PDB file of all heavy atoms in Angstrom:
ATOM      1  N   TRP A   1      13.430  -0.660   2.437  1.00  0.00           N
ATOM      2  CA  TRP A   1      12.465   0.218   3.095  1.00  0.00           C
ATOM      3  C   TRP A   1      13.148   1.506   3.536  1.00  0.00           C
ATOM      4  O   TRP A   1      12.576   2.603   3.375  1.00  0.00           O
ATOM      5  CB  TRP A   1      11.839  -0.470   4.299  1.00  0.00           C
ATOM      6  CG  TRP A   1      10.918  -1.630   4.018  1.00  0.00           C
ATOM      7  CD1 TRP A   1      10.888  -2.830   4.654  1.00  0.00           C
ATOM      8  CD2 TRP A   1       9.845  -1.675   3.062  1.00  0.00           C
ATOM      9  NE1 TRP A   1       9.902  -3.644   4.146  1.00  0.00           N
ATOM     10  CE2 TRP A   1       9.241  -2.956   3.173  1.00  0.00           C
ATOM     11  CE3 TRP A   1       9.361  -0.775   2.114  1.00  0.00           C
ATOM     12  CZ2 TRP A   1       8.167  -3.340   2.364  1.00  0.00           C
ATOM     13  CZ3 TRP A   1       8.285  -1.162   1.311  1.00  0.00           C
ATOM     14  CH2 TRP A   1       7.703  -2.417   1.442  1.00  0.00           C
ATOM     15  N   ASP A   2      14.358   1.387   4.097  1.00  0.00           N
ATOM     16  CA  ASP A   2      15.078   2.586   4.535  1.00  0.00           C
ATOM     17  C   ASP A   2      15.321   3.534   3.366  1.00  0.00           C
ATOM     18  O   ASP A   2      15.177   4.761   3.501  1.00  0.00           O
ATOM     19  CB  ASP A   2      16.414   2.191   5.166  1.00  0.00           C
ATOM     20  CG  ASP A   2      16.247   1.586   6.556  1.00  0.00           C
ATOM     21  OD1 ASP A   2      15.240   1.924   7.219  1.00  0.00           O
ATOM     22  OD2 ASP A   2      17.107   0.787   6.965  1.00  0.00           O
ATOM     23  N   GLY A   3      15.673   2.965   2.199  1.00  0.00           N
ATOM     24  CA  GLY A   3      15.919   3.797   1.028  1.00  0.00           C
ATOM     25  C   GLY A   3      14.656   4.520   0.576  1.00  0.00           C
ATOM     26  O   GLY A   3      14.698   5.695   0.188  1.00  0.00           O
ATOM     27  N   LEU A   4      13.537   3.831   0.617  1.00  0.00           N
ATOM     28  CA  LEU A   4      12.271   4.448   0.219  1.00  0.00           C
ATOM     29  C   LEU A   4      11.849   5.532   1.207  1.00  0.00           C
ATOM     30  O   LEU A   4      11.252   6.551   0.812  1.00  0.00           O
ATOM     31  CB  LEU A   4      11.183   3.379   0.107  1.00  0.00           C
ATOM     32  CG  LEU A   4      11.349   2.381  -1.055  1.00  0.00           C
ATOM     33  CD1 LEU A   4      10.303   1.275  -0.959  1.00  0.00           C
ATOM     34  CD2 LEU A   4      11.242   3.095  -2.400  1.00  0.00           C
ATOM     35  N   VAL A   5      12.174   5.339   2.500  1.00  0.00           N
ATOM     36  CA  VAL A   5      11.875   6.366   3.499  1.00  0.00           C
ATOM     37  C   VAL A   5      12.740   7.592   3.252  1.00  0.00           C
ATOM     38  O   VAL A   5      12.252   8.735   3.258  1.00  0.00           O
ATOM     39  CB  VAL A   5      12.078   5.808   4.921  1.00  0.00           C
ATOM     40  CG1 VAL A   5      11.980   6.938   5.954  1.00  0.00           C
ATOM     41  CG2 VAL A   5      11.052   4.727   5.233  1.00  0.00           C
ATOM     42  N   ARG A   6      14.045   7.368   3.025  1.00  0.00           N
ATOM     43  CA  ARG A   6      14.954   8.498   2.786  1.00  0.00           C
ATOM     44  C   ARG A   6      14.583   9.267   1.523  1.00  0.00           C
ATOM     45  O   ARG A   6      14.743  10.490   1.453  1.00  0.00           O
ATOM     46  CB  ARG A   6      16.394   8.002   2.688  1.00  0.00           C
ATOM     47  CG  ARG A   6      16.996   7.561   4.013  1.00  0.00           C
ATOM     48  CD  ARG A   6      18.498   7.423   3.917  1.00  0.00           C
ATOM     49  NE  ARG A   6      18.881   6.422   2.927  1.00  0.00           N
ATOM     50  CZ  ARG A   6      19.042   5.133   3.198  1.00  0.00           C
ATOM     51  NH1 ARG A   6      18.839   4.697   4.447  1.00  0.00           N
ATOM     52  NH2 ARG A   6      19.390   4.283   2.255  1.00  0.00           N
ATOM     53  N   ALA A   7      14.064   8.535   0.514  1.00  0.00           N
ATOM     54  CA  ALA A   7      13.688   9.182  -0.746  1.00  0.00           C
ATOM     55  C   ALA A   7      12.336   9.896  -0.640  1.00  0.00           C
ATOM     56  O   ALA A   7      11.913  10.564  -1.591  1.00  0.00           O
ATOM     57  CB  ALA A   7      13.643   8.149  -1.864  1.00  0.00           C
ATOM     58  N   GLY A   8      11.663   9.779   0.495  1.00  0.00           N
ATOM     59  CA  GLY A   8      10.410  10.481   0.700  1.00  0.00           C
ATOM     60  C   GLY A   8       9.175   9.749   0.214  1.00  0.00           C
ATOM     61  O   GLY A   8       8.068  10.310   0.223  1.00  0.00           O
ATOM     62  N   TYR A   9       9.322   8.474  -0.189  1.00  0.00           N
ATOM     63  CA  TYR A   9       8.167   7.713  -0.657  1.00  0.00           C
ATOM     64  C   TYR A   9       7.319   7.193   0.508  1.00  0.00           C
ATOM     65  O   TYR A   9       6.113   6.976   0.357  1.00  0.00           O
ATOM     66  CB  TYR A   9       8.618   6.532  -1.514  1.00  0.00           C
ATOM     67  CG  TYR A   9       9.143   6.921  -2.866  1.00  0.00           C
ATOM     68  CD1 TYR A   9      10.503   7.029  -3.104  1.00  0.00           C
ATOM     69  CD2 TYR A   9       8.278   7.201  -3.921  1.00  0.00           C
ATOM     70  CE1 TYR A   9      10.998   7.385  -4.349  1.00  0.00           C
ATOM     71  CE2 TYR A   9       8.757   7.559  -5.175  1.00  0.00           C
ATOM     72  CZ  TYR A   9      10.122   7.655  -5.379  1.00  0.00           C
ATOM     73  OH  TYR A   9      10.599   8.013  -6.612  1.00  0.00           O
ATOM     74  N   LEU A  10       7.974   6.959   1.635  1.00  0.00           N
ATOM     75  CA  LEU A  10       7.271   6.416   2.802  1.00  0.00           C
ATOM     76  C   LEU A  10       7.628   7.237   4.038  1.00  0.00           C
ATOM     77  O   LEU A  10       8.724   7.803   4.119  1.00  0.00           O
ATOM     78  CB  LEU A  10       7.659   4.950   3.038  1.00  0.00           C
ATOM     79  CG  LEU A  10       7.345   3.935   1.926  1.00  0.00           C
ATOM     80  CD1 LEU A  10       7.967   2.579   2.269  1.00  0.00           C
ATOM     81  CD2 LEU A  10       5.839   3.794   1.719  1.00  0.00           C
ATOM     82  N   ARG A  11       6.699   7.243   5.007  1.00  0.00           N
ATOM     83  CA  ARG A  11       6.974   7.955   6.256  1.00  0.00           C
ATOM     84  C   ARG A  11       7.711   7.103   7.265  1.00  0.00           C
ATOM     85  O   ARG A  11       8.310   7.616   8.206  1.00  0.00           O
ATOM     86  CB  ARG A  11       5.645   8.422   6.869  1.00  0.00           C
ATOM     87  CG  ARG A  11       4.929   9.480   6.036  1.00  0.00           C
ATOM     88  CD  ARG A  11       3.655   9.926   6.726  1.00  0.00           C
ATOM     89  NE  ARG A  11       2.956  10.948   5.967  1.00  0.00           N
ATOM     90  CZ  ARG A  11       1.813  11.517   6.349  1.00  0.00           C
ATOM     91  NH1 ARG A  11       1.245  11.129   7.494  1.00  0.00           N
ATOM     92  NH2 ARG A  11       1.240  12.428   5.599  1.00  0.00           N
ATOM     93  N   GLY A  12       7.630   5.795   7.090  1.00  0.00           N
ATOM     94  CA  GLY A  12       8.287   4.898   8.028  1.00  0.00           C
ATOM     95  C   GLY A  12       8.292   3.489   7.491  1.00  0.00           C
ATOM     96  O   GLY A  12       7.760   3.217   6.406  1.00  0.00           O
ATOM     97  N   ILE A  13       8.897   2.574   8.229  1.00  0.00           N
ATOM     98  CA  ILE A  13       8.955   1.177   7.817  1.00  0.00           C
ATOM     99  C   ILE A  13       7.543   0.596   7.896  1.00  0.00           C
ATOM    100  O   ILE A  13       6.929   0.609   8.969  1.00  0.00           O
ATOM    101  CB  ILE A  13       9.909   0.371   8.715  1.00  0.00           C
ATOM    102  CG1 ILE A  13      11.283   1.040   8.755  1.00  0.00           C
ATOM    103  CG2 ILE A  13      10.019  -1.063   8.215  1.00  0.00           C
ATOM    104  CD1 ILE A  13      11.954   1.174   7.411  1.00  0.00           C
ATOM    105  N   PRO A  14       6.999   0.072   6.798  1.00  0.00           N
ATOM    106  CA  PRO A  14       5.607  -0.371   6.797  1.00  0.00           C
ATOM    107  C   PRO A  14       5.427  -1.737   7.453  1.00  0.00           C
ATOM    108  O   PRO A  14       6.236  -2.646   7.285  1.00  0.00           O
ATOM    109  CB  PRO A  14       5.262  -0.433   5.310  1.00  0.00           C
ATOM    110  CG  PRO A  14       6.566  -0.717   4.634  1.00  0.00           C
ATOM    111  CD  PRO A  14       7.619  -0.024   5.451  1.00  0.00           C
ATOM    112  N   ALA A  15       4.335  -1.856   8.188  1.00  0.00           N
ATOM    113  CA  ALA A  15       3.990  -3.115   8.852  1.00  0.00           C
ATOM    114  C   ALA A  15       2.525  -3.437   8.588  1.00  0.00           C
ATOM    115  O   ALA A  15       1.724  -2.552   8.245  1.00  0.00           O
ATOM    116  CB  ALA A  15       4.243  -3.016  10.355  1.00  0.00           C
ATOM    117  N   ASP A  16       2.181  -4.712   8.729  1.00  0.00           N
ATOM    118  CA  ASP A  16       0.790  -5.112   8.528  1.00  0.00           C
ATOM    119  C   ASP A  16      -0.051  -4.672   9.738  1.00  0.00           C
ATOM    120  O   ASP A  16       0.502  -4.193  10.741  1.00  0.00           O
ATOM    121  CB  ASP A  16       0.689  -6.619   8.264  1.00  0.00           C
ATOM    122  CG  ASP A  16       1.015  -7.494   9.467  1.00  0.00           C
ATOM    123  OD1 ASP A  16       0.749  -7.079  10.618  1.00  0.00           O
ATOM    124  OD2 ASP A  16       1.536  -8.608   9.285  1.00  0.00           O
ATOM    125  N   PRO A  17      -1.376  -4.805   9.661  1.00  0.00           N
ATOM    126  CA  PRO A  17      -2.231  -4.330  10.761  1.00  0.00           C
ATOM    127  C   PRO A  17      -1.965  -4.979  12.106  1.00  0.00           C
ATOM    128  O   PRO A  17      -2.355  -4.418  13.136  1.00  0.00           O
ATOM    129  CB  PRO A  17      -3.643  -4.662  10.261  1.00  0.00           C
ATOM    130  CG  PRO A  17      -3.540  -4.612   8.779  1.00  0.00           C
ATOM    131  CD  PRO A  17      -2.186  -5.198   8.478  1.00  0.00           C
ATOM    132  N   ASP A  18      -1.314  -6.136  12.128  1.00  0.00           N
ATOM    133  CA  ASP A  18      -0.965  -6.771  13.404  1.00  0.00           C
ATOM    134  C   ASP A  18       0.443  -6.411  13.863  1.00  0.00           C
ATOM    135  O   ASP A  18       0.930  -6.950  14.860  1.00  0.00           O
ATOM    136  CB  ASP A  18      -1.117  -8.296  13.292  1.00  0.00           C
ATOM    137  CG  ASP A  18      -2.572  -8.729  13.459  1.00  0.00           C
ATOM    138  OD1 ASP A  18      -3.453  -7.845  13.472  1.00  0.00           O
ATOM    139  OD2 ASP A  18      -2.829  -9.942  13.561  1.00  0.00           O
ATOM    140  N   GLY A  19       1.125  -5.525  13.119  1.00  0.00           N
ATOM    141  CA  GLY A  19       2.418  -5.013  13.557  1.00  0.00           C
ATOM    142  C   GLY A  19       3.641  -5.729  13.018  1.00  0.00           C
ATOM    143  O   GLY A  19       4.763  -5.416  13.433  1.00  0.00           O
ATOM    144  N   PHE A  20       3.478  -6.661  12.084  1.00  0.00           N
ATOM    145  CA  PHE A  20       4.612  -7.378  11.522  1.00  0.00           C
ATOM    146  C   PHE A  20       5.106  -6.656  10.262  1.00  0.00           C
ATOM    147  O   PHE A  20       4.312  -6.361   9.364  1.00  0.00           O
ATOM    148  CB  PHE A  20       4.239  -8.822  11.191  1.00  0.00           C
ATOM    149  CG  PHE A  20       3.909  -9.641  12.413  1.00  0.00           C
ATOM    150  CD1 PHE A  20       2.641  -9.598  12.976  1.00  0.00           C
ATOM    151  CD2 PHE A  20       4.877 -10.430  13.023  1.00  0.00           C
ATOM    152  CE1 PHE A  20       2.317 -10.340  14.103  1.00  0.00           C
ATOM    153  CE2 PHE A  20       4.565 -11.185  14.150  1.00  0.00           C
ATOM    154  CZ  PHE A  20       3.294 -11.131  14.691  1.00  0.00           C
ATOM    155  N   VAL A  21       6.412  -6.379  10.215  1.00  0.00           N
ATOM    156  CA  VAL A  21       6.980  -5.611   9.107  1.00  0.00           C
ATOM    157  C   VAL A  21       6.879  -6.404   7.806  1.00  0.00           C
ATOM    158  O   VAL A  21       7.196  -7.600   7.756  1.00  0.00           O
ATOM    159  CB  VAL A  21       8.461  -5.268   9.397  1.00  0.00           C
ATOM    160  CG1 VAL A  21       9.112  -4.596   8.187  1.00  0.00           C
ATOM    161  CG2 VAL A  21       8.543  -4.350  10.617  1.00  0.00           C
ATOM    162  N   PHE A  22       6.415  -5.734   6.752  1.00  0.00           N
ATOM    163  CA  PHE A  22       6.347  -6.373   5.445  1.00  0.00           C
ATOM    164  C   PHE A  22       7.753  -6.689   4.931  1.00  0.00           C
ATOM    165  O   PHE A  22       8.727  -5.994   5.257  1.00  0.00           O
ATOM    166  CB  PHE A  22       5.644  -5.458   4.435  1.00  0.00           C
ATOM    167  CG  PHE A  22       4.172  -5.311   4.646  1.00  0.00           C
ATOM    168  CD1 PHE A  22       3.632  -4.086   5.022  1.00  0.00           C
ATOM    169  CD2 PHE A  22       3.318  -6.388   4.463  1.00  0.00           C
ATOM    170  CE1 PHE A  22       2.267  -3.945   5.206  1.00  0.00           C
ATOM    171  CE2 PHE A  22       1.940  -6.257   4.648  1.00  0.00           C
ATOM    172  CZ  PHE A  22       1.428  -5.029   5.024  1.00  0.00           C
ATOM    173  N   VAL A  23       7.847  -7.723   4.121  1.00  0.00           N
ATOM    174  CA  VAL A  23       9.126  -8.128   3.524  1.00  0.00           C
ATOM    175  C   VAL A  23       9.180  -7.586   2.098  1.00  0.00           C
ATOM    176  O   VAL A  23       8.263  -7.806   1.305  1.00  0.00           O
ATOM    177  CB  VAL A  23       9.264  -9.662   3.516  1.00  0.00           C
ATOM    178  CG1 VAL A  23      10.560 -10.073   2.824  1.00  0.00           C
ATOM    179  CG2 VAL A  23       9.211 -10.209   4.941  1.00  0.00           C
ATOM    180  N   LEU A  24      10.256  -6.877   1.779  1.00  0.00           N
ATOM    181  CA  LEU A  24      10.443  -6.290   0.454  1.00  0.00           C
ATOM    182  C   LEU A  24      11.554  -7.025  -0.283  1.00  0.00           C
ATOM    183  O   LEU A  24      12.670  -7.148   0.245  1.00  0.00           O
ATOM    184  CB  LEU A  24      10.800  -4.807   0.586  1.00  0.00           C
ATOM    185  CG  LEU A  24      11.211  -4.080  -0.694  1.00  0.00           C
ATOM    186  CD1 LEU A  24      10.037  -4.003  -1.671  1.00  0.00           C
ATOM    187  CD2 LEU A  24      11.732  -2.676  -0.377  1.00  0.00           C
ATOM    188  N   ASP A  25      11.264  -7.530  -1.480  1.00  0.00           N
ATOM    189  CA  ASP A  25      12.302  -8.132  -2.311  1.00  0.00           C
ATOM    190  C   ASP A  25      13.122  -6.988  -2.917  1.00  0.00           C
ATOM    191  O   ASP A  25      12.596  -6.174  -3.675  1.00  0.00           O
ATOM    192  CB  ASP A  25      11.680  -8.964  -3.426  1.00  0.00           C
ATOM    193  CG  ASP A  25      12.718  -9.748  -4.210  1.00  0.00           C
ATOM    194  OD1 ASP A  25      13.667  -9.125  -4.728  1.00  0.00           O
ATOM    195  OD2 ASP A  25      12.575 -10.978  -4.325  1.00  0.00           O
ATOM    196  N   PRO A  26      14.415  -6.906  -2.585  1.00  0.00           N
ATOM    197  CA  PRO A  26      15.204  -5.735  -3.003  1.00  0.00           C
ATOM    198  C   PRO A  26      15.436  -5.638  -4.500  1.00  0.00           C
ATOM    199  O   PRO A  26      15.785  -4.567  -4.993  1.00  0.00           O
ATOM    200  CB  PRO A  26      16.518  -5.927  -2.240  1.00  0.00           C
ATOM    201  CG  PRO A  26      16.614  -7.389  -1.991  1.00  0.00           C
ATOM    202  CD  PRO A  26      15.205  -7.862  -1.795  1.00  0.00           C
ATOM    203  N   TRP A  27      15.258  -6.734  -5.232  1.00  0.00           N
ATOM    204  CA  TRP A  27      15.567  -6.726  -6.664  1.00  0.00           C
ATOM    205  C   TRP A  27      14.314  -6.668  -7.531  1.00  0.00           C
ATOM    206  O   TRP A  27      14.335  -6.062  -8.605  1.00  0.00           O
ATOM    207  CB  TRP A  27      16.397  -7.967  -7.032  1.00  0.00           C
ATOM    208  CG  TRP A  27      17.673  -8.020  -6.235  1.00  0.00           C
ATOM    209  CD1 TRP A  27      17.957  -8.844  -5.201  1.00  0.00           C
ATOM    210  CD2 TRP A  27      18.797  -7.162  -6.380  1.00  0.00           C
ATOM    211  NE1 TRP A  27      19.204  -8.584  -4.679  1.00  0.00           N
ATOM    212  CE2 TRP A  27      19.750  -7.546  -5.391  1.00  0.00           C
ATOM    213  CE3 TRP A  27      19.116  -6.105  -7.234  1.00  0.00           C
ATOM    214  CZ2 TRP A  27      20.972  -6.918  -5.247  1.00  0.00           C
ATOM    215  CZ3 TRP A  27      20.349  -5.465  -7.101  1.00  0.00           C
ATOM    216  CH2 TRP A  27      21.262  -5.872  -6.115  1.00  0.00           C
ATOM    217  N   THR A  28      13.231  -7.275  -7.087  1.00  0.00           N
ATOM    218  CA  THR A  28      12.012  -7.256  -7.896  1.00  0.00           C
ATOM    219  C   THR A  28      11.000  -6.212  -7.427  1.00  0.00           C
ATOM    220  O   THR A  28      10.097  -5.832  -8.169  1.00  0.00           O
ATOM    221  CB  THR A  28      11.321  -8.630  -7.862  1.00  0.00           C
ATOM    222  OG1 THR A  28      10.816  -8.883  -6.536  1.00  0.00           O
ATOM    223  CG2 THR A  28      12.283  -9.741  -8.264  1.00  0.00           C
ATOM    224  N   GLY A  29      11.130  -5.767  -6.183  1.00  0.00           N
ATOM    225  CA  GLY A  29      10.169  -4.821  -5.642  1.00  0.00           C
ATOM    226  C   GLY A  29       8.890  -5.474  -5.149  1.00  0.00           C
ATOM    227  O   GLY A  29       7.942  -4.776  -4.771  1.00  0.00           O
ATOM    228  N   ASP A  30       8.853  -6.799  -5.149  1.00  0.00           N
ATOM    229  CA  ASP A  30       7.658  -7.476  -4.657  1.00  0.00           C
ATOM    230  C   ASP A  30       7.578  -7.345  -3.137  1.00  0.00           C
ATOM    231  O   ASP A  30       8.595  -7.208  -2.452  1.00  0.00           O
ATOM    232  CB  ASP A  30       7.677  -8.952  -5.048  1.00  0.00           C
ATOM    233  CG  ASP A  30       6.345  -9.637  -4.776  1.00  0.00           C
ATOM    234  OD1 ASP A  30       5.317  -8.936  -4.839  1.00  0.00           O
ATOM    235  OD2 ASP A  30       6.336 -10.844  -4.495  1.00  0.00           O
ATOM    236  N   VAL A  31       6.356  -7.382  -2.609  1.00  0.00           N
ATOM    237  CA  VAL A  31       6.117  -7.234  -1.177  1.00  0.00           C
ATOM    238  C   VAL A  31       5.309  -8.428  -0.695  1.00  0.00           C
ATOM    239  O   VAL A  31       4.355  -8.841  -1.358  1.00  0.00           O
ATOM    240  CB  VAL A  31       5.355  -5.929  -0.867  1.00  0.00           C
ATOM    241  CG1 VAL A  31       5.123  -5.782   0.635  1.00  0.00           C
ATOM    242  CG2 VAL A  31       6.115  -4.724  -1.411  1.00  0.00           C
ATOM    243  N   ARG A  32       5.685  -8.980   0.442  1.00  0.00           N
ATOM    244  CA  ARG A  32       4.943 -10.108   1.009  1.00  0.00           C
ATOM    245  C   ARG A  32       4.871  -9.965   2.521  1.00  0.00           C
ATOM    246  O   ARG A  32       5.543  -9.112   3.117  1.00  0.00           O
ATOM    247  CB  ARG A  32       5.599 -11.447   0.631  1.00  0.00           C
ATOM    248  CG  ARG A  32       6.990 -11.649   1.176  1.00  0.00           C
ATOM    249  CD  ARG A  32       7.577 -12.991   0.713  1.00  0.00           C
ATOM    250  NE  ARG A  32       8.864 -13.271   1.318  1.00  0.00           N
ATOM    251  CZ  ARG A  32      10.029 -12.841   0.852  1.00  0.00           C
ATOM    252  NH1 ARG A  32      10.052 -12.087  -0.252  1.00  0.00           N
ATOM    253  NH2 ARG A  32      11.163 -13.136   1.464  1.00  0.00           N
ATOM    254  N   MET A  33       4.061 -10.820   3.123  1.00  0.00           N
ATOM    255  CA  MET A  33       3.893 -10.806   4.573  1.00  0.00           C
ATOM    256  C   MET A  33       5.110 -11.414   5.256  1.00  0.00           C
ATOM    257  O   MET A  33       5.785 -12.295   4.702  1.00  0.00           O
ATOM    258  CB  MET A  33       2.660 -11.607   4.965  1.00  0.00           C
ATOM    259  CG  MET A  33       1.356 -11.146   4.331  1.00  0.00           C
ATOM    260  SD  MET A  33       0.716  -9.637   5.052  1.00  0.00           S
ATOM    261  CE  MET A  33       0.134 -10.226   6.636  1.00  0.00           C
ATOM    262  N   ALA A  34       5.363 -10.979   6.488  1.00  0.00           N
ATOM    263  CA  ALA A  34       6.387 -11.631   7.299  1.00  0.00           C
ATOM    264  C   ALA A  34       5.966 -13.072   7.570  1.00  0.00           C
ATOM    265  O   ALA A  34       4.775 -13.355   7.753  1.00  0.00           O
ATOM    266  CB  ALA A  34       6.586 -10.878   8.607  1.00  0.00           C
ATOM    267  N   ALA A  35       6.947 -13.962   7.589  1.00  0.00           N
ATOM    268  CA  ALA A  35       6.643 -15.387   7.733  1.00  0.00           C
ATOM    269  C   ALA A  35       5.941 -15.704   9.045  1.00  0.00           C
ATOM    270  O   ALA A  35       5.192 -16.686   9.137  1.00  0.00           O
ATOM    271  CB  ALA A  35       7.930 -16.207   7.620  1.00  0.00           C
ATOM    272  N   ASP A  36       6.167 -14.870  10.074  1.00  0.00           N
ATOM    273  CA  ASP A  36       5.560 -15.133  11.378  1.00  0.00           C
ATOM    274  C   ASP A  36       4.342 -14.257  11.646  1.00  0.00           C
ATOM    275  O   ASP A  36       3.849 -14.192  12.783  1.00  0.00           O
ATOM    276  CB  ASP A  36       6.587 -14.949  12.493  1.00  0.00           C
ATOM    277  CG  ASP A  36       7.203 -13.551  12.502  1.00  0.00           C
ATOM    278  OD1 ASP A  36       7.071 -12.824  11.482  1.00  0.00           O
ATOM    279  OD2 ASP A  36       7.836 -13.182  13.518  1.00  0.00           O
ATOM    280  N   SER A  37       3.817 -13.600  10.622  1.00  0.00           N
ATOM    281  CA  SER A  37       2.659 -12.731  10.829  1.00  0.00           C
ATOM    282  C   SER A  37       1.456 -13.541  11.304  1.00  0.00           C
ATOM    283  O   SER A  37       1.183 -14.635  10.798  1.00  0.00           O
ATOM    284  CB  SER A  37       2.305 -11.996   9.537  1.00  0.00           C
ATOM    285  OG  SER A  37       1.090 -11.278   9.686  1.00  0.00           O
ATOM    286  N   THR A  38       0.728 -12.970  12.240  1.00  0.00           N
ATOM    287  CA  THR A  38      -0.461 -13.630  12.768  1.00  0.00           C
ATOM    288  C   THR A  38      -1.633 -13.566  11.786  1.00  0.00           C
ATOM    289  O   THR A  38      -2.678 -14.177  12.042  1.00  0.00           O
ATOM    290  CB  THR A  38      -0.886 -12.971  14.095  1.00  0.00           C
ATOM    291  OG1 THR A  38      -0.954 -11.551  13.920  1.00  0.00           O
ATOM    292  CG2 THR A  38       0.121 -13.292  15.190  1.00  0.00           C
ATOM    293  N   LEU A  39      -1.472 -12.865  10.673  1.00  0.00           N
ATOM    294  CA  LEU A  39      -2.535 -12.782   9.671  1.00  0.00           C
ATOM    295  C   LEU A  39      -2.399 -13.844   8.581  1.00  0.00           C
ATOM    296  O   LEU A  39      -3.256 -13.938   7.706  1.00  0.00           O
ATOM    297  CB  LEU A  39      -2.554 -11.394   9.028  1.00  0.00           C
ATOM    298  CG  LEU A  39      -2.944 -10.244   9.965  1.00  0.00           C
ATOM    299  CD1 LEU A  39      -2.872  -8.912   9.238  1.00  0.00           C
ATOM    300  CD2 LEU A  39      -4.344 -10.465  10.533  1.00  0.00           C
TER     301      LEU A  39
END
């Protein structure tokens, strides 16, 4: 996420609507919910 922010793709670390940061697979680029997300 930090790399994508520095490269200008994102404005900040992305989180779900309840405030839990999304999990990014660094090798495949897949995105999933945080394991403790209330959603």
